[in-house]
Amino acid sequence: LSEYQPEDIKVSVKDGELIVKAERKTETDTRKSRTSFFQSTSLPPQTDIDHLQSKYIDGKLVIEAPYL
């Protein structure tokens, strides 16, 4: 996700799925473009989603999901 800024990235959990979405829009005098990213994965049932943390460090998204 190095081509995205932290404000472009959204991390959420829904129905036991970790969802990562990112969208970036750029515009020049002659062109508009939009780049998007989507990834989801199932979380183990014992994941403590209330304490899930995400960090964007040096172009990498780090997600910490502790267990109960």
Protein backbone atom coordinates (compact mmCIF):
# COMPACT_ATOMS: atom_id res chain seq x y z
CA LEU A 1 0.00 0.00 0.00
CA SER A 2 3.01 2.27 -0.38
CA GLU A 3 1.31 4.34 -3.11
CA TYR A 4 -1.46 5.40 -0.69
CA GLN A 5 -1.49 7.97 2.07
CA PRO A 6 -2.75 7.00 5.55
CA GLU A 7 -5.94 9.02 5.03
CA ASP A 8 -6.69 6.96 1.88
CA ILE A 9 -6.82 3.67 3.84
CA LYS A 10 -9.80 2.32 5.79
CA VAL A 11 -9.61 -0.75 8.04
CA SER A 12 -12.79 -2.29 9.44
CA VAL A 13 -14.23 -5.52 10.82
CA LYS A 14 -17.65 -6.83 9.84
CA ASP A 15 -19.11 -10.25 10.67
CA GLY A 16 -15.71 -11.67 11.60
CA GLU A 17 -14.01 -10.38 8.44
CA LEU A 18 -11.09 -7.95 8.45
CA ILE A 19 -11.61 -5.52 5.57
CA VAL A 20 -8.95 -3.21 4.14
CA LYS A 21 -9.97 -0.64 1.53
CA ALA A 22 -7.90 2.11 -0.04
CA GLU A 23 -8.66 4.66 -2.73
CA ARG A 24 -6.52 7.37 -4.25
CA LYS A 25 -7.61 9.99 -6.75
CA THR A 26 -5.22 12.07 -8.83
CA GLU A 27 -5.93 14.83 -11.29
CA THR A 28 -3.84 16.78 -13.77
CA ASP A 29 -4.85 19.32 -16.42
CA THR A 30 -5.51 16.56 -18.93
CA ARG A 31 -6.27 13.45 -16.91
CA LYS A 32 -8.12 12.10 -13.90
CA SER A 33 -7.37 8.72 -12.38
CA ARG A 34 -8.53 6.62 -9.48
CA THR A 35 -6.69 3.70 -7.95
CA SER A 36 -8.35 1.38 -5.47
CA PHE A 37 -7.46 -1.61 -3.34
CA PHE A 38 -9.67 -4.11 -1.51
CA GLN A 39 -8.72 -7.11 0.61
CA SER A 40 -10.66 -9.12 3.16
CA THR A 41 -9.78 -12.08 5.33
CA SER A 42 -11.53 -14.08 8.01
CA LEU A 43 -10.43 -13.49 11.58
CA PRO A 44 -10.12 -16.41 14.01
CA PRO A 45 -13.14 -16.58 16.37
CA GLN A 46 -11.02 -15.77 19.45
CA THR A 47 -9.78 -12.44 18.00
CA ASP A 48 -10.35 -9.47 20.33
CA ILE A 49 -11.71 -7.05 17.71
CA ASP A 50 -12.23 -4.32 20.34
CA HIS A 51 -8.44 -4.04 20.64
CA LEU A 52 -7.52 -4.39 16.97
CA GLN A 53 -4.96 -1.76 15.94
CA SER A 54 -3.63 -0.67 12.57
CA LYS A 55 -0.54 1.40 11.82
CA TYR A 56 0.90 2.72 8.58
CA ILE A 57 4.69 2.59 8.82
CA ASP A 58 7.08 3.31 5.93
CA GLY A 59 4.46 2.52 3.29
CA LYS A 60 3.34 -0.70 5.00
CA LEU A 61 0.07 -1.33 6.78
CA VAL A 62 0.58 -3.23 10.03
CA ILE A 63 -2.49 -4.73 11.72
CA GLU A 64 -2.33 -6.13 15.23
CA ALA A 65 -5.22 -8.37 16.26
CA PRO A 66 -4.80 -9.82 19.76
CA TYR A 67 -6.56 -12.94 20.96
CA LEU A 68 -8.90 -13.08 23.94
